[in-house]
PDB file of all heavy atoms in Angstrom:
ATOM      1  N   ARG A   1       0.815  -1.237   0.017  1.00  0.00           N
ATOM      2  CA  ARG A   1      -0.008  -0.029  -0.001  1.00  0.00           C
ATOM      3  C   ARG A   1       0.928   1.205   0.004  1.00  0.00           C
ATOM      4  O   ARG A   1       2.092   1.203   0.416  1.00  0.00           O
ATOM      5  CB  ARG A   1      -0.855   0.008   1.200  1.00  0.00           C
ATOM      6  CG  ARG A   1      -1.915  -1.118   1.205  1.00  0.00           C
ATOM      7  CD  ARG A   1      -2.669  -1.103   2.493  1.00  0.00           C
ATOM      8  NE  ARG A   1      -1.783  -1.442   3.624  1.00  0.00           N
ATOM      9  CZ  ARG A   1      -2.181  -1.912   4.820  1.00  0.00           C
ATOM     10  NH1 ARG A   1      -3.426  -1.953   5.045  1.00  0.00           N
ATOM     11  NH2 ARG A   1      -1.284  -2.270   5.724  1.00  0.00           N
ATOM     12  N   ALA A   2       0.297   2.352  -0.419  1.00  0.00           N
ATOM     13  CA  ALA A   2       1.114   3.569  -0.495  1.00  0.00           C
ATOM     14  C   ALA A   2       1.090   4.237   0.898  1.00  0.00           C
ATOM     15  O   ALA A   2       0.363   5.128   1.176  1.00  0.00           O
ATOM     16  CB  ALA A   2       0.530   4.459  -1.545  1.00  0.00           C
ATOM     17  N   GLU A   3       1.921   3.632   1.819  1.00  0.00           N
ATOM     18  CA  GLU A   3       1.873   4.182   3.135  1.00  0.00           C
ATOM     19  C   GLU A   3       3.379   4.377   3.526  1.00  0.00           C
ATOM     20  O   GLU A   3       4.271   3.789   2.988  1.00  0.00           O
ATOM     21  CB  GLU A   3       1.332   3.197   4.180  1.00  0.00           C
ATOM     22  CG  GLU A   3      -0.117   2.933   3.942  1.00  0.00           C
ATOM     23  CD  GLU A   3      -0.699   1.904   4.947  1.00  0.00           C
ATOM     24  OE1 GLU A   3       0.106   1.201   5.616  1.00  0.00           O
ATOM     25  OE2 GLU A   3      -1.885   1.765   4.988  1.00  0.00           O
ATOM     26  N   GLY A   4       3.587   5.290   4.496  1.00  0.00           N
ATOM     27  CA  GLY A   4       4.943   5.554   4.958  1.00  0.00           C
ATOM     28  C   GLY A   4       5.691   6.546   4.242  1.00  0.00           C
ATOM     29  O   GLY A   4       5.200   7.272   3.319  1.00  0.00           O
ATOM     30  N   GLU A   5       6.944   6.740   4.586  1.00  0.00           N
ATOM     31  CA  GLU A   5       7.824   7.734   4.011  1.00  0.00           C
ATOM     32  C   GLU A   5       8.621   7.147   2.844  1.00  0.00           C
ATOM     33  O   GLU A   5       9.054   5.982   3.037  1.00  0.00           O
ATOM     34  CB  GLU A   5       8.727   8.329   5.003  1.00  0.00           C
ATOM     35  CG  GLU A   5       7.996   9.173   6.116  1.00  0.00           C
ATOM     36  CD  GLU A   5       7.290  10.357   5.566  1.00  0.00           C
ATOM     37  OE1 GLU A   5       7.882  11.019   4.698  1.00  0.00           O
ATOM     38  OE2 GLU A   5       6.151  10.652   5.946  1.00  0.00           O
ATOM     39  N   PRO A   6       8.942   7.861   1.844  1.00  0.00           N
ATOM     40  CA  PRO A   6       9.835   7.342   0.806  1.00  0.00           C
ATOM     41  C   PRO A   6      11.133   6.935   1.350  1.00  0.00           C
ATOM     42  O   PRO A   6      11.651   7.608   2.259  1.00  0.00           O
ATOM     43  CB  PRO A   6      10.000   8.469  -0.209  1.00  0.00           C
ATOM     44  CG  PRO A   6       8.754   9.266  -0.002  1.00  0.00           C
ATOM     45  CD  PRO A   6       8.458   9.144   1.442  1.00  0.00           C
ATOM     46  N   SER A   7      11.663   5.759   0.984  1.00  0.00           N
ATOM     47  CA  SER A   7      12.959   5.297   1.495  1.00  0.00           C
ATOM     48  C   SER A   7      13.885   4.991   0.331  1.00  0.00           C
ATOM     49  O   SER A   7      14.951   4.358   0.636  1.00  0.00           O
ATOM     50  CB  SER A   7      12.714   4.128   2.411  1.00  0.00           C
ATOM     51  OG  SER A   7      12.116   3.058   1.710  1.00  0.00           O
ATOM     52  N   ILE A   8      13.516   5.250  -0.783  1.00  0.00           N
ATOM     53  CA  ILE A   8      14.406   4.952  -2.045  1.00  0.00           C
ATOM     54  C   ILE A   8      14.402   6.195  -2.968  1.00  0.00           C
ATOM     55  O   ILE A   8      13.397   6.729  -3.169  1.00  0.00           O
ATOM     56  CB  ILE A   8      13.803   3.775  -2.800  1.00  0.00           C
ATOM     57  CG1 ILE A   8      13.869   2.496  -1.903  1.00  0.00           C
ATOM     58  CG2 ILE A   8      14.649   3.462  -4.032  1.00  0.00           C
ATOM     59  CD1 ILE A   8      13.083   1.287  -2.565  1.00  0.00           C
ATOM     60  N   HIS A   9      15.594   6.482  -3.351  1.00  0.00           N
ATOM     61  CA  HIS A   9      15.806   7.514  -4.421  1.00  0.00           C
ATOM     62  C   HIS A   9      16.190   6.846  -5.720  1.00  0.00           C
ATOM     63  O   HIS A   9      16.992   5.951  -5.683  1.00  0.00           O
ATOM     64  CB  HIS A   9      16.884   8.459  -4.038  1.00  0.00           C
ATOM     65  CG  HIS A   9      16.500   9.632  -3.205  1.00  0.00           C
ATOM     66  ND1 HIS A   9      17.351  10.635  -2.909  1.00  0.00           N
ATOM     67  CD2 HIS A   9      15.388   9.869  -2.502  1.00  0.00           C
ATOM     68  CE1 HIS A   9      16.764  11.486  -2.104  1.00  0.00           C
ATOM     69  NE2 HIS A   9      15.528  11.012  -1.882  1.00  0.00           N
ATOM     70  N   ILE A  10      15.516   7.185  -6.846  1.00  0.00           N
ATOM     71  CA  ILE A  10      15.875   6.699  -8.113  1.00  0.00           C
ATOM     72  C   ILE A  10      16.516   7.800  -8.916  1.00  0.00           C
ATOM     73  O   ILE A  10      15.923   8.834  -9.240  1.00  0.00           O
ATOM     74  CB  ILE A  10      14.666   6.133  -8.883  1.00  0.00           C
ATOM     75  CG1 ILE A  10      13.947   5.095  -8.023  1.00  0.00           C
ATOM     76  CG2 ILE A  10      14.989   5.588 -10.217  1.00  0.00           C
ATOM     77  CD1 ILE A  10      12.609   4.694  -8.560  1.00  0.00           C
ATOM     78  N   ASP A  11      17.762   7.652  -9.182  1.00  0.00           N
ATOM     79  CA  ASP A  11      18.542   8.642  -9.964  1.00  0.00           C
ATOM     80  C   ASP A  11      18.568   8.252 -11.442  1.00  0.00           C
ATOM     81  O   ASP A  11      18.923   7.064 -11.714  1.00  0.00           O
ATOM     82  CB  ASP A  11      20.004   8.754  -9.434  1.00  0.00           C
ATOM     83  CG  ASP A  11      20.838   9.703 -10.239  1.00  0.00           C
ATOM     84  OD1 ASP A  11      20.425  10.804 -10.397  1.00  0.00           O
ATOM     85  OD2 ASP A  11      21.903   9.297 -10.626  1.00  0.00           O
ATOM     86  N   VAL A  12      18.293   9.159 -12.351  1.00  0.00           N
ATOM     87  CA  VAL A  12      18.311   8.857 -13.745  1.00  0.00           C
ATOM     88  C   VAL A  12      19.500   9.709 -14.315  1.00  0.00           C
ATOM     89  O   VAL A  12      19.566  10.864 -14.136  1.00  0.00           O
ATOM     90  CB  VAL A  12      17.011   9.338 -14.494  1.00  0.00           C
ATOM     91  CG1 VAL A  12      17.105   9.034 -15.978  1.00  0.00           C
ATOM     92  CG2 VAL A  12      15.815   8.601 -13.828  1.00  0.00           C
ATOM     93  N   ALA A  13      20.445   8.998 -15.000  1.00  0.00           N
ATOM     94  CA  ALA A  13      21.609   9.747 -15.417  1.00  0.00           C
ATOM     95  C   ALA A  13      22.028   9.233 -16.877  1.00  0.00           C
ATOM     96  O   ALA A  13      21.685   8.152 -17.299  1.00  0.00           O
ATOM     97  CB  ALA A  13      22.843   9.401 -14.432  1.00  0.00           C
ATOM     98  N   THR A  14      22.830  10.136 -17.508  1.00  0.00           N
ATOM     99  CA  THR A  14      23.360   9.866 -18.873  1.00  0.00           C
ATOM    100  C   THR A  14      24.804  10.195 -18.822  1.00  0.00           C
ATOM    101  O   THR A  14      25.325  10.811 -17.861  1.00  0.00           O
ATOM    102  CB  THR A  14      22.602  10.639 -19.950  1.00  0.00           C
ATOM    103  OG1 THR A  14      22.784  12.017 -19.656  1.00  0.00           O
ATOM    104  CG2 THR A  14      21.120  10.295 -19.990  1.00  0.00           C
ATOM    105  N   ASN A  15      25.480   9.908 -19.899  1.00  0.00           N
ATOM    106  CA  ASN A  15      26.879  10.457 -20.092  1.00  0.00           C
ATOM    107  C   ASN A  15      27.063  10.697 -21.608  1.00  0.00           C
ATOM    108  O   ASN A  15      26.321  10.203 -22.390  1.00  0.00           O
ATOM    109  CB  ASN A  15      27.903   9.465 -19.433  1.00  0.00           C
ATOM    110  CG  ASN A  15      28.111   8.217 -20.183  1.00  0.00           C
ATOM    111  OD1 ASN A  15      28.243   8.193 -21.412  1.00  0.00           O
ATOM    112  ND2 ASN A  15      28.030   7.088 -19.435  1.00  0.00           N
ATOM    113  N   GLY A  16      28.231  11.243 -21.918  1.00  0.00           N
ATOM    114  CA  GLY A  16      28.466  11.542 -23.281  1.00  0.00           C
ATOM    115  C   GLY A  16      29.314  10.537 -23.988  1.00  0.00           C
ATOM    116  O   GLY A  16      29.722  10.731 -25.172  1.00  0.00           O
ATOM    117  N   PHE A  17      29.544   9.302 -23.379  1.00  0.00           N
ATOM    118  CA  PHE A  17      30.352   8.256 -24.059  1.00  0.00           C
ATOM    119  C   PHE A  17      29.531   7.237 -24.771  1.00  0.00           C
ATOM    120  O   PHE A  17      30.110   6.594 -25.688  1.00  0.00           O
ATOM    121  CB  PHE A  17      31.183   7.586 -23.057  1.00  0.00           C
ATOM    122  CG  PHE A  17      32.168   8.554 -22.260  1.00  0.00           C
ATOM    123  CD1 PHE A  17      31.943   8.931 -20.994  1.00  0.00           C
ATOM    124  CD2 PHE A  17      33.276   9.012 -22.898  1.00  0.00           C
ATOM    125  CE1 PHE A  17      32.812   9.788 -20.353  1.00  0.00           C
ATOM    126  CE2 PHE A  17      34.180   9.859 -22.317  1.00  0.00           C
ATOM    127  CZ  PHE A  17      33.953  10.251 -21.006  1.00  0.00           C
ATOM    128  N   HIS A  18      28.282   7.099 -24.401  1.00  0.00           N
ATOM    129  CA  HIS A  18      27.401   6.118 -25.128  1.00  0.00           C
ATOM    130  C   HIS A  18      25.983   6.492 -24.906  1.00  0.00           C
ATOM    131  O   HIS A  18      25.700   7.440 -24.168  1.00  0.00           O
ATOM    132  CB  HIS A  18      27.709   4.672 -24.627  1.00  0.00           C
ATOM    133  CG  HIS A  18      27.755   4.547 -23.139  1.00  0.00           C
ATOM    134  ND1 HIS A  18      26.683   4.636 -22.329  1.00  0.00           N
ATOM    135  CD2 HIS A  18      28.833   4.281 -22.348  1.00  0.00           C
ATOM    136  CE1 HIS A  18      27.011   4.423 -21.131  1.00  0.00           C
ATOM    137  NE2 HIS A  18      28.290   4.283 -21.075  1.00  0.00           N
ATOM    138  N   GLU A  19      25.036   5.730 -25.516  1.00  0.00           N
ATOM    139  CA  GLU A  19      23.679   6.120 -25.479  1.00  0.00           C
ATOM    140  C   GLU A  19      22.862   5.502 -24.278  1.00  0.00           C
ATOM    141  O   GLU A  19      21.675   5.664 -24.194  1.00  0.00           O
ATOM    142  CB  GLU A  19      22.959   5.688 -26.786  1.00  0.00           C
ATOM    143  CG  GLU A  19      23.498   6.364 -27.921  1.00  0.00           C
ATOM    144  CD  GLU A  19      22.773   6.016 -29.232  1.00  0.00           C
ATOM    145  OE1 GLU A  19      22.121   4.893 -29.243  1.00  0.00           O
ATOM    146  OE2 GLU A  19      22.884   6.763 -30.186  1.00  0.00           O
ATOM    147  N   LEU A  20      23.562   4.827 -23.357  1.00  0.00           N
ATOM    148  CA  LEU A  20      22.856   4.158 -22.281  1.00  0.00           C
ATOM    149  C   LEU A  20      22.338   5.190 -21.277  1.00  0.00           C
ATOM    150  O   LEU A  20      22.966   6.223 -21.134  1.00  0.00           O
ATOM    151  CB  LEU A  20      23.829   3.215 -21.572  1.00  0.00           C
ATOM    152  CG  LEU A  20      24.354   2.032 -22.446  1.00  0.00           C
ATOM    153  CD1 LEU A  20      25.347   1.233 -21.590  1.00  0.00           C
ATOM    154  CD2 LEU A  20      23.232   1.138 -22.836  1.00  0.00           C
ATOM    155  N   VAL A  21      21.238   4.828 -20.623  1.00  0.00           N
ATOM    156  CA  VAL A  21      20.714   5.621 -19.471  1.00  0.00           C
ATOM    157  C   VAL A  21      20.831   4.755 -18.296  1.00  0.00           C
ATOM    158  O   VAL A  21      20.513   3.558 -18.321  1.00  0.00           O
ATOM    159  CB  VAL A  21      19.189   5.922 -19.805  1.00  0.00           C
ATOM    160  CG1 VAL A  21      18.598   6.575 -18.598  1.00  0.00           C
ATOM    161  CG2 VAL A  21      19.045   6.871 -21.030  1.00  0.00           C
ATOM    162  N   ARG A  22      21.314   5.366 -17.248  1.00  0.00           N
ATOM    163  CA  ARG A  22      21.432   4.659 -15.922  1.00  0.00           C
ATOM    164  C   ARG A  22      20.299   4.971 -14.988  1.00  0.00           C
ATOM    165  O   ARG A  22      19.941   6.040 -14.776  1.00  0.00           O
ATOM    166  CB  ARG A  22      22.820   5.088 -15.285  1.00  0.00           C
ATOM    167  CG  ARG A  22      23.064   4.305 -13.988  1.00  0.00           C
ATOM    168  CD  ARG A  22      24.245   4.856 -13.241  1.00  0.00           C
ATOM    169  NE  ARG A  22      23.767   6.048 -12.522  1.00  0.00           N
ATOM    170  CZ  ARG A  22      24.535   6.776 -11.707  1.00  0.00           C
ATOM    171  NH1 ARG A  22      25.779   6.498 -11.585  1.00  0.00           N
ATOM    172  NH2 ARG A  22      24.096   7.878 -11.181  1.00  0.00           N
ATOM    173  N   LEU A  23      19.725   3.865 -14.397  1.00  0.00           N
ATOM    174  CA  LEU A  23      18.766   4.047 -13.331  1.00  0.00           C
ATOM    175  C   LEU A  23      19.507   3.464 -12.086  1.00  0.00           C
ATOM    176  O   LEU A  23      19.852   2.309 -12.075  1.00  0.00           O
ATOM    177  CB  LEU A  23      17.495   3.220 -13.651  1.00  0.00           C
ATOM    178  CG  LEU A  23      16.634   3.634 -14.785  1.00  0.00           C
ATOM    179  CD1 LEU A  23      15.406   2.657 -14.884  1.00  0.00           C
ATOM    180  CD2 LEU A  23      16.234   5.062 -14.629  1.00  0.00           C
ATOM    181  N   ALA A  24      19.668   4.296 -11.142  1.00  0.00           N
ATOM    182  CA  ALA A  24      20.386   3.825  -9.899  1.00  0.00           C
ATOM    183  C   ALA A  24      19.445   4.053  -8.691  1.00  0.00           C
ATOM    184  O   ALA A  24      18.888   5.135  -8.537  1.00  0.00           O
ATOM    185  CB  ALA A  24      21.649   4.655  -9.706  1.00  0.00           C
ATOM    186  N   LEU A  25      19.276   3.029  -7.899  1.00  0.00           N
ATOM    187  CA  LEU A  25      18.346   3.037  -6.768  1.00  0.00           C
ATOM    188  C   LEU A  25      19.196   3.030  -5.448  1.00  0.00           C
ATOM    189  O   LEU A  25      20.069   2.131  -5.338  1.00  0.00           O
ATOM    190  CB  LEU A  25      17.408   1.803  -6.711  1.00  0.00           C
ATOM    191  CG  LEU A  25      16.222   1.939  -7.685  1.00  0.00           C
ATOM    192  CD1 LEU A  25      16.552   1.957  -9.108  1.00  0.00           C
ATOM    193  CD2 LEU A  25      15.277   0.797  -7.315  1.00  0.00           C
ATOM    194  N   TRP A  26      18.988   3.956  -4.629  1.00  0.00           N
ATOM    195  CA  TRP A  26      19.672   4.146  -3.391  1.00  0.00           C
ATOM    196  C   TRP A  26      18.688   4.119  -2.220  1.00  0.00           C
ATOM    197  O   TRP A  26      17.621   4.722  -2.336  1.00  0.00           O
ATOM    198  CB  TRP A  26      20.401   5.527  -3.323  1.00  0.00           C
ATOM    199  CG  TRP A  26      21.359   5.772  -4.437  1.00  0.00           C
ATOM    200  CD1 TRP A  26      21.040   6.304  -5.651  1.00  0.00           C
ATOM    201  CD2 TRP A  26      22.724   5.536  -4.394  1.00  0.00           C
ATOM    202  NE1 TRP A  26      22.177   6.477  -6.412  1.00  0.00           N
ATOM    203  CE2 TRP A  26      23.182   5.988  -5.705  1.00  0.00           C
ATOM    204  CE3 TRP A  26      23.624   5.039  -3.457  1.00  0.00           C
ATOM    205  CZ2 TRP A  26      24.559   5.983  -6.008  1.00  0.00           C
ATOM    206  CZ3 TRP A  26      24.961   5.026  -3.819  1.00  0.00           C
ATOM    207  CH2 TRP A  26      25.416   5.422  -5.092  1.00  0.00           C
ATOM    208  N   ASN A  27      19.047   3.454  -1.127  1.00  0.00           N
ATOM    209  CA  ASN A  27      18.265   3.560   0.087  1.00  0.00           C
ATOM    210  C   ASN A  27      18.573   4.949   0.716  1.00  0.00           C
ATOM    211  O   ASN A  27      19.665   5.405   0.694  1.00  0.00           O
ATOM    212  CB  ASN A  27      18.584   2.447   1.062  1.00  0.00           C
ATOM    213  CG  ASN A  27      17.922   1.160   0.702  1.00  0.00           C
ATOM    214  OD1 ASN A  27      16.739   1.156   0.324  1.00  0.00           O
ATOM    215  ND2 ASN A  27      18.644   0.116   0.958  1.00  0.00           N
ATOM    216  N   ILE A  28      17.450   5.534   1.345  1.00  0.00           N
ATOM    217  CA  ILE A  28      17.692   6.821   2.025  1.00  0.00           C
ATOM    218  C   ILE A  28      17.151   6.650   3.436  1.00  0.00           C
ATOM    219  O   ILE A  28      16.265   5.833   3.727  1.00  0.00           O
ATOM    220  CB  ILE A  28      16.949   7.917   1.277  1.00  0.00           C
ATOM    221  CG1 ILE A  28      15.505   7.676   1.123  1.00  0.00           C
ATOM    222  CG2 ILE A  28      17.721   8.229   0.019  1.00  0.00           C
ATOM    223  CD1 ILE A  28      14.740   8.860   0.589  1.00  0.00           C
ATOM    224  N   ASP A  29      17.664   7.396   4.313  1.00  0.00           N
ATOM    225  CA  ASP A  29      17.230   7.398   5.773  1.00  0.00           C
ATOM    226  C   ASP A  29      16.135   8.426   5.938  1.00  0.00           C
ATOM    227  O   ASP A  29      15.715   9.096   4.954  1.00  0.00           O
ATOM    228  CB  ASP A  29      18.379   7.557   6.651  1.00  0.00           C
ATOM    229  CG  ASP A  29      19.008   8.901   6.727  1.00  0.00           C
ATOM    230  OD1 ASP A  29      18.461   9.812   6.117  1.00  0.00           O
ATOM    231  OD2 ASP A  29      20.161   8.965   7.160  1.00  0.00           O
ATOM    232  N   SER A  30      15.693   8.505   7.142  1.00  0.00           N
ATOM    233  CA  SER A  30      14.527   9.462   7.499  1.00  0.00           C
ATOM    234  C   SER A  30      14.880  10.908   7.254  1.00  0.00           C
ATOM    235  O   SER A  30      13.912  11.789   7.087  1.00  0.00           O
ATOM    236  CB  SER A  30      14.123   9.294   8.908  1.00  0.00           C
ATOM    237  OG  SER A  30      15.200   9.606   9.759  1.00  0.00           O
ATOM    238  N   THR A  31      16.212  11.272   7.094  1.00  0.00           N
ATOM    239  CA  THR A  31      16.598  12.602   6.866  1.00  0.00           C
ATOM    240  C   THR A  31      16.768  12.922   5.330  1.00  0.00           C
ATOM    241  O   THR A  31      17.074  13.951   4.949  1.00  0.00           O
ATOM    242  CB  THR A  31      17.895  13.010   7.562  1.00  0.00           C
ATOM    243  OG1 THR A  31      18.996  12.283   7.092  1.00  0.00           O
ATOM    244  CG2 THR A  31      17.709  12.731   9.032  1.00  0.00           C
ATOM    245  N   GLY A  32      16.588  11.841   4.541  1.00  0.00           N
ATOM    246  CA  GLY A  32      16.783  11.978   3.107  1.00  0.00           C
ATOM    247  C   GLY A  32      18.142  11.776   2.657  1.00  0.00           C
ATOM    248  O   GLY A  32      18.411  11.908   1.412  1.00  0.00           O
ATOM    249  N   GLN A  33      19.050  11.314   3.518  1.00  0.00           N
ATOM    250  CA  GLN A  33      20.479  11.052   3.156  1.00  0.00           C
ATOM    251  C   GLN A  33      20.621   9.575   2.644  1.00  0.00           C
ATOM    252  O   GLN A  33      19.969   8.666   3.158  1.00  0.00           O
ATOM    253  CB  GLN A  33      21.429  11.303   4.344  1.00  0.00           C
ATOM    254  CG  GLN A  33      21.390  12.681   4.799  1.00  0.00           C
ATOM    255  CD  GLN A  33      21.827  13.612   3.807  1.00  0.00           C
ATOM    256  OE1 GLN A  33      22.902  13.450   3.186  1.00  0.00           O
ATOM    257  NE2 GLN A  33      21.099  14.698   3.587  1.00  0.00           N
ATOM    258  N   MET A  34      21.423   9.400   1.535  1.00  0.00           N
ATOM    259  CA  MET A  34      21.652   8.022   1.060  1.00  0.00           C
ATOM    260  C   MET A  34      22.371   7.205   2.119  1.00  0.00           C
ATOM    261  O   MET A  34      23.255   7.821   2.857  1.00  0.00           O
ATOM    262  CB  MET A  34      22.482   8.150  -0.165  1.00  0.00           C
ATOM    263  CG  MET A  34      21.690   8.632  -1.348  1.00  0.00           C
ATOM    264  SD  MET A  34      22.730   8.598  -2.858  1.00  0.00           S
ATOM    265  CE  MET A  34      22.393  10.229  -3.545  1.00  0.00           C
ATOM    266  N   THR A  35      22.043   6.012   2.268  1.00  0.00           N
ATOM    267  CA  THR A  35      22.681   5.136   3.249  1.00  0.00           C
ATOM    268  C   THR A  35      23.265   3.870   2.460  1.00  0.00           C
ATOM    269  O   THR A  35      22.606   3.377   1.559  1.00  0.00           O
ATOM    270  CB  THR A  35      21.635   4.630   4.298  1.00  0.00           C
ATOM    271  OG1 THR A  35      20.647   3.870   3.627  1.00  0.00           O
ATOM    272  CG2 THR A  35      21.047   5.717   5.078  1.00  0.00           C
ATOM    273  N   GLY A  36      24.386   3.494   2.876  1.00  0.00           N
ATOM    274  CA  GLY A  36      25.004   2.275   2.348  1.00  0.00           C
ATOM    275  C   GLY A  36      25.412   2.410   0.869  1.00  0.00           C
ATOM    276  O   GLY A  36      25.262   3.438   0.231  1.00  0.00           O
ATOM    277  N   PRO A  37      25.753   1.278   0.280  1.00  0.00           N
ATOM    278  CA  PRO A  37      26.098   1.302  -1.128  1.00  0.00           C
ATOM    279  C   PRO A  37      24.903   1.267  -2.052  1.00  0.00           C
ATOM    280  O   PRO A  37      23.848   1.218  -1.618  1.00  0.00           O
ATOM    281  CB  PRO A  37      26.848  -0.088  -1.241  1.00  0.00           C
ATOM    282  CG  PRO A  37      26.199  -0.933  -0.260  1.00  0.00           C
ATOM    283  CD  PRO A  37      25.842   0.022   0.901  1.00  0.00           C
ATOM    284  N   LEU A  38      25.127   1.522  -3.304  1.00  0.00           N
ATOM    285  CA  LEU A  38      24.148   1.480  -4.389  1.00  0.00           C
ATOM    286  C   LEU A  38      23.471   0.220  -4.343  1.00  0.00           C
ATOM    287  O   LEU A  38      24.023  -0.891  -4.290  1.00  0.00           O
ATOM    288  CB  LEU A  38      24.866   1.720  -5.690  1.00  0.00           C
ATOM    289  CG  LEU A  38      24.012   1.709  -6.976  1.00  0.00           C
ATOM    290  CD1 LEU A  38      23.101   2.920  -6.981  1.00  0.00           C
ATOM    291  CD2 LEU A  38      24.897   1.729  -8.221  1.00  0.00           C
ATOM    292  N   ASP A  39      22.112   0.268  -4.269  1.00  0.00           N
ATOM    293  CA  ASP A  39      21.353  -1.021  -4.299  1.00  0.00           C
ATOM    294  C   ASP A  39      21.136  -1.714  -5.642  1.00  0.00           C
ATOM    295  O   ASP A  39      21.296  -2.897  -5.834  1.00  0.00           O
ATOM    296  CB  ASP A  39      19.947  -0.809  -3.697  1.00  0.00           C
ATOM    297  CG  ASP A  39      20.031  -0.489  -2.184  1.00  0.00           C
ATOM    298  OD1 ASP A  39      20.826  -1.101  -1.533  1.00  0.00           O
ATOM    299  OD2 ASP A  39      19.295   0.422  -1.733  1.00  0.00           O
ATOM    300  N   VAL A  40      20.711  -0.920  -6.651  1.00  0.00           N
ATOM    301  CA  VAL A  40      20.502  -1.442  -7.917  1.00  0.00           C
ATOM    302  C   VAL A  40      20.993  -0.391  -9.019  1.00  0.00           C
ATOM    303  O   VAL A  40      20.777   0.735  -8.797  1.00  0.00           O
ATOM    304  CB  VAL A  40      19.000  -1.686  -8.226  1.00  0.00           C
ATOM    305  CG1 VAL A  40      18.786  -2.078  -9.664  1.00  0.00           C
ATOM    306  CG2 VAL A  40      18.455  -2.674  -7.249  1.00  0.00           C
ATOM    307  N   CYS A  41      21.618  -0.911 -10.052  1.00  0.00           N
ATOM    308  CA  CYS A  41      22.126  -0.053 -11.112  1.00  0.00           C
ATOM    309  C   CYS A  41      21.839  -0.667 -12.465  1.00  0.00           C
ATOM    310  O   CYS A  41      22.411  -1.767 -12.679  1.00  0.00           O
ATOM    311  CB  CYS A  41      23.602   0.286 -10.942  1.00  0.00           C
ATOM    312  SG  CYS A  41      24.169   1.469 -12.184  1.00  0.00           S
ATOM    313  N   ALA A  42      20.861  -0.131 -13.181  1.00  0.00           N
ATOM    314  CA  ALA A  42      20.560  -0.776 -14.439  1.00  0.00           C
ATOM    315  C   ALA A  42      20.947   0.225 -15.583  1.00  0.00           C
ATOM    316  O   ALA A  42      20.736   1.416 -15.487  1.00  0.00           O
ATOM    317  CB  ALA A  42      19.031  -0.949 -14.502  1.00  0.00           C
ATOM    318  N   LEU A  43      21.631  -0.323 -16.579  1.00  0.00           N
ATOM    319  CA  LEU A  43      22.017   0.472 -17.729  1.00  0.00           C
ATOM    320  C   LEU A  43      21.140   0.064 -18.856  1.00  0.00           C
ATOM    321  O   LEU A  43      21.078  -1.129 -19.267  1.00  0.00           O
ATOM    322  CB  LEU A  43      23.499   0.165 -18.078  1.00  0.00           C
ATOM    323  CG  LEU A  43      24.478   0.579 -17.052  1.00  0.00           C
ATOM    324  CD1 LEU A  43      25.921   0.165 -17.515  1.00  0.00           C
ATOM    325  CD2 LEU A  43      24.432   2.022 -16.669  1.00  0.00           C
ATOM    326  N   LEU A  44      20.374   1.008 -19.361  1.00  0.00           N
ATOM    327  CA  LEU A  44      19.345   0.714 -20.431  1.00  0.00           C
ATOM    328  C   LEU A  44      19.708   1.338 -21.736  1.00  0.00           C
ATOM    329  O   LEU A  44      19.953   2.525 -21.831  1.00  0.00           O
ATOM    330  CB  LEU A  44      17.983   1.269 -19.994  1.00  0.00           C
ATOM    331  CG  LEU A  44      17.449   0.777 -18.599  1.00  0.00           C
ATOM    332  CD1 LEU A  44      16.221   1.609 -18.238  1.00  0.00           C
ATOM    333  CD2 LEU A  44      17.120  -0.673 -18.658  1.00  0.00           C
ATOM    334  N   PRO A  45      19.677   0.526 -22.815  1.00  0.00           N
ATOM    335  CA  PRO A  45      19.824   1.129 -24.188  1.00  0.00           C
ATOM    336  C   PRO A  45      18.577   1.915 -24.575  1.00  0.00           C
ATOM    337  O   PRO A  45      17.520   1.728 -23.881  1.00  0.00           O
ATOM    338  CB  PRO A  45      20.053  -0.058 -25.076  1.00  0.00           C
ATOM    339  CG  PRO A  45      19.396  -1.245 -24.344  1.00  0.00           C
ATOM    340  CD  PRO A  45      19.508  -0.892 -22.881  1.00  0.00           C
TER     341      PRO A  45
END
């Protein structure tokens, strides 16, 4: 259910070296700060 506070940030990024788009998912704490290592990193053509 849509309850509680958001605890994941999804960063969408690109670069000038290729056409891939990166989706990176990070856990965040109650203050909005990223915690721990990157959880998921998907490179999409």
